[in-house]
Amino acid sequence: MEWKHKYSEMGSKGKTYVITRTHKKGNESFECNCPATMYRPWLVACKHIKRLKEKLLLPWKNLEKPNR
């Protein structure tokens, strides 16, 4: 089963970022449209993804690298 869900998170200075949560065959991945992972490709997840996972009560240590 595969599904996608989009969430919005607030950034600094009132900016809103869209986080896409994709569930594909039991694996979950998160992507954010903020520039943090573009400038720092070694980051597994930006602070927006970490905040969203805290709100969803999901463990954030098992994050996968986003596909870019």
Protein backbone atom coordinates (compact mmCIF):
# COMPACT_ATOMS: atom_id res chain seq x y z
CA MET A 1 0.00 0.00 0.00
CA GLU A 2 1.31 3.43 -0.90
CA TRP A 3 0.12 6.84 0.26
CA LYS A 4 1.31 10.43 0.55
CA HIS A 5 0.27 13.17 2.93
CA LYS A 6 1.34 16.81 3.00
CA TYR A 7 1.80 18.86 6.16
CA SER A 8 2.75 22.50 6.60
CA GLU A 9 5.23 23.71 9.21
CA MET A 10 6.06 27.26 10.16
CA GLY A 11 9.60 28.47 9.65
CA SER A 12 11.36 31.63 10.66
CA LYS A 13 9.91 35.02 9.75
CA GLY A 14 6.46 33.58 9.04
CA LYS A 15 7.56 31.30 6.19
CA THR A 16 5.57 28.12 5.66
CA TYR A 17 7.22 24.92 4.46
CA VAL A 18 5.51 21.85 3.04
CA ILE A 19 6.59 18.45 4.31
CA THR A 20 5.57 15.41 2.30
CA ARG A 21 5.23 12.11 4.14
CA THR A 22 5.38 9.09 1.83
CA HIS A 23 4.53 5.57 2.96
CA LYS A 24 5.58 2.88 0.52
CA LYS A 25 5.45 -0.84 1.37
CA GLY A 26 6.08 -0.28 5.08
CA ASN A 27 8.84 2.33 4.62
CA GLU A 28 8.24 5.96 5.49
CA SER A 29 10.16 8.90 4.08
CA PHE A 30 9.86 12.62 4.65
CA GLU A 31 10.76 15.50 2.32
CA CYS A 32 10.69 19.21 3.07
CA ASN A 33 10.79 22.05 0.56
CA CYS A 34 13.09 24.18 2.75
CA PRO A 35 16.62 24.91 1.48
CA ALA A 36 18.37 23.32 4.51
CA THR A 37 18.94 19.89 2.97
CA MET A 38 19.85 21.41 -0.38
CA TYR A 39 22.72 23.39 1.16
CA ARG A 40 23.67 20.68 3.65
CA PRO A 41 23.23 17.31 1.89
CA TRP A 42 24.66 15.40 4.86
CA LEU A 43 21.60 16.35 6.93
CA VAL A 44 19.22 13.45 7.30
CA ALA A 45 16.33 15.74 8.19
CA CYS A 46 15.77 19.43 8.69
CA LYS A 47 14.28 20.91 11.86
CA HIS A 48 10.85 21.09 10.24
CA ILE A 49 10.74 17.31 9.75
CA LYS A 50 11.98 16.74 13.31
CA ARG A 51 9.27 19.04 14.70
CA LEU A 52 6.57 17.32 12.64
CA LYS A 53 7.67 13.89 13.85
CA GLU A 54 7.52 15.15 17.44
CA LYS A 55 3.96 16.35 16.85
CA LEU A 56 3.00 13.02 15.28
CA LEU A 57 4.72 11.16 18.15
CA LEU A 58 7.04 9.31 15.74
CA PRO A 59 10.67 8.46 16.55
CA TRP A 60 12.90 10.85 14.60
CA LYS A 61 16.12 8.84 14.85
CA ASN A 62 15.05 6.44 12.06
CA LEU A 63 14.94 9.04 9.30
CA GLU A 64 15.96 8.23 5.76
CA LYS A 65 17.75 10.61 3.44
CA PRO A 66 15.32 12.40 1.13
CA ASN A 67 15.47 11.53 -2.56
CA ARG A 68 16.66 14.58 -4.45
